Protein backbone atom coordinates (compact mmCIF):
# COMPACT_ATOMS: atom_id res chain seq x y z
CA MET A 1 -0.33 -2.47 16.70
CA GLU A 2 -3.47 -2.86 14.61
CA ARG A 3 -3.86 -5.17 11.63
CA ILE A 4 -6.21 -4.61 8.73
CA SER A 5 -7.21 -7.33 6.28
CA ILE A 6 -7.28 -6.77 2.54
CA ARG A 7 -8.61 -9.06 -0.16
CA THR A 8 -7.10 -8.37 -3.56
CA ASN A 9 -8.86 -9.24 -6.81
CA SER A 10 -6.20 -9.30 -9.51
CA ARG A 11 -2.53 -10.15 -10.04
CA VAL A 12 -1.48 -6.50 -9.97
CA ASP A 13 -3.77 -4.04 -8.25
CA LEU A 14 -3.71 -0.78 -6.28
CA ILE A 15 -6.33 -0.72 -3.54
CA ASP A 16 -7.17 2.52 -1.74
CA ILE A 17 -6.85 1.80 2.00
CA THR A 18 -6.93 5.42 3.19
CA ASP A 19 -10.29 5.05 4.95
CA LYS A 20 -9.21 1.85 6.72
CA ILE A 21 -6.07 3.53 8.04
CA GLN A 22 -7.97 6.66 9.05
CA ALA A 23 -10.38 4.42 10.99
CA VAL A 24 -7.42 3.04 13.00
CA VAL A 25 -6.22 6.60 13.67
CA SER A 26 -9.71 7.67 14.78
CA LYS A 27 -10.05 4.63 17.03
CA SER A 28 -6.75 5.55 18.74
CA LYS A 29 -8.19 8.96 19.73
CA LEU A 30 -4.71 10.43 19.21
CA LYS A 31 -4.67 14.13 18.33
CA ASN A 32 -1.11 14.51 17.01
CA GLY A 33 1.59 12.00 16.19
CA VAL A 34 2.74 9.61 13.50
CA CYS A 35 1.09 6.68 11.76
CA LEU A 36 3.47 3.91 10.65
CA VAL A 37 2.11 1.54 8.03
CA PHE A 38 3.91 -1.73 7.24
CA CYS A 39 3.30 -4.39 4.59
CA PRO A 40 4.55 -7.81 5.80
CA HIS A 41 4.58 -9.38 2.32
CA THR A 42 7.39 -9.84 -0.23
CA THR A 43 5.13 -9.51 -3.26
CA ALA A 44 3.09 -6.49 -2.19
CA GLY A 45 3.87 -2.95 -1.06
CA LEU A 46 2.53 0.47 -0.17
CA THR A 47 2.46 3.86 -1.82
CA ILE A 48 0.86 7.29 -1.55
CA ASN A 49 -0.46 8.70 -4.79
CA GLU A 50 -3.40 10.50 -6.38
CA ASN A 51 -6.79 9.09 -5.44
CA ALA A 52 -9.09 11.51 -7.30
CA ASP A 53 -8.77 10.05 -10.81
CA PRO A 54 -8.93 6.23 -11.06
CA SER A 55 -7.06 6.34 -14.38
CA VAL A 56 -3.86 7.10 -12.42
CA ARG A 57 -4.06 3.64 -10.80
CA ARG A 58 -4.59 2.01 -14.19
CA ASP A 59 -1.61 3.94 -15.64
CA ILE A 60 0.65 2.82 -12.78
CA ILE A 61 -0.42 -0.82 -13.19
CA ASP A 62 0.03 -0.69 -16.98
CA ALA A 63 3.48 0.88 -16.65
CA LEU A 64 4.57 -1.72 -14.08
CA ASN A 65 3.44 -4.57 -16.31
CA LYS A 66 5.29 -3.09 -19.31
CA LEU A 67 8.49 -2.54 -17.31
CA LEU A 68 8.34 -5.90 -15.55
CA PRO A 69 6.34 -8.47 -17.51
CA ALA A 70 5.25 -11.64 -15.69
CA ASN A 71 7.20 -14.15 -17.79
CA ALA A 72 10.49 -12.59 -18.81
CA GLY A 73 12.89 -15.44 -18.07
CA TYR A 74 13.70 -14.53 -14.46
CA ALA A 75 15.97 -16.82 -12.41
CA HIS A 76 13.44 -17.11 -9.55
CA SER A 77 11.59 -20.33 -10.37
CA GLU A 78 8.25 -19.76 -8.60
CA GLY A 79 6.83 -17.69 -11.45
CA ASN A 80 6.47 -14.49 -9.46
CA ALA A 81 9.88 -12.82 -9.78
CA ASP A 82 8.22 -9.81 -11.40
CA SER A 83 6.04 -9.50 -8.28
CA HIS A 84 9.05 -9.36 -5.96
CA ILE A 85 10.67 -6.66 -8.09
CA LYS A 86 7.45 -4.61 -8.36
CA SER A 87 6.91 -4.71 -4.60
CA SER A 88 10.50 -3.55 -4.05
CA LEU A 89 9.80 -0.50 -6.19
CA PHE A 90 6.88 0.45 -3.93
CA GLY A 91 8.47 -0.40 -0.59
CA ALA A 92 7.09 -1.94 2.58
CA THR A 93 6.58 1.09 4.85
CA LEU A 94 4.92 4.49 4.98
CA THR A 95 5.14 7.22 7.61
CA ILE A 96 2.23 9.66 7.74
CA PHE A 97 1.81 12.54 10.16
CA ILE A 98 -1.35 12.77 12.25
CA GLU A 99 -2.65 16.31 12.84
CA ASP A 100 -5.89 16.99 14.72
CA SER A 101 -6.74 13.25 14.63
CA GLN A 102 -6.52 13.15 10.82
CA LEU A 103 -3.98 11.67 8.45
CA ALA A 104 -1.99 14.62 7.10
CA LEU A 105 -2.24 13.91 3.38
CA GLY A 106 -2.19 16.31 0.46
CA THR A 107 -5.42 17.31 -1.25
CA TRP A 108 -5.32 14.57 -3.88
CA GLN A 109 -3.38 11.92 -1.96
CA GLY A 110 -4.54 8.47 -0.92
CA ILE A 111 -2.79 5.47 0.61
CA TYR A 112 -2.62 2.39 -1.58
CA PHE A 113 -1.96 -1.26 -0.94
CA CYS A 114 -0.05 -2.46 -3.99
CA GLU A 115 -0.75 -6.07 -4.89
CA CYS A 116 1.81 -7.61 -7.22
CA ASP A 117 1.00 -11.34 -6.98
CA GLY A 118 -2.71 -11.70 -6.43
CA PRO A 119 -5.44 -12.34 -5.94
CA ARG A 120 -4.74 -13.01 -2.26
CA SER A 121 -5.76 -12.31 1.30
CA ARG A 122 -3.30 -9.83 2.78
CA GLU A 123 -2.62 -7.79 5.90
CA VAL A 124 -1.28 -4.35 6.65
CA TRP A 125 0.09 -3.52 10.09
CA ILE A 126 -0.43 -0.06 11.60
CA LYS A 127 1.30 1.52 14.59
CA ILE A 128 0.23 4.88 16.00
CA ILE A 129 2.89 6.87 17.84
CA LYS A 130 2.01 9.82 20.08
CA GLU A 131 3.83 13.09 19.57
CA PRO A 132 6.18 13.71 22.51
């Protein structure tokens, strides 16, 4: 298992980590298989979405903040209940095929670390599995 470090800069942020994950795949020298990506945090998650137009990230962040505002009278007393809910919407894991030593993503797709309670120092765990 490989770990990559991420430093987030705002309370809610989507950070493109595609290149970092591809670097782990390249380092493995695996031709074909599966890349498992895991977020070990309860107020952050992972998603695959468009990475060509940065306004898509801004739209996702704006929509999340409208749906789940930071101070909406949640029962969780630490002040980050919205962050827990937002991270649950994204999820903690991704599975991406590896073909010819490359992440098999669609033309416009990128892999994003989804910060919901930043800024913080975070980690993402990556496991490469060889095709049988």
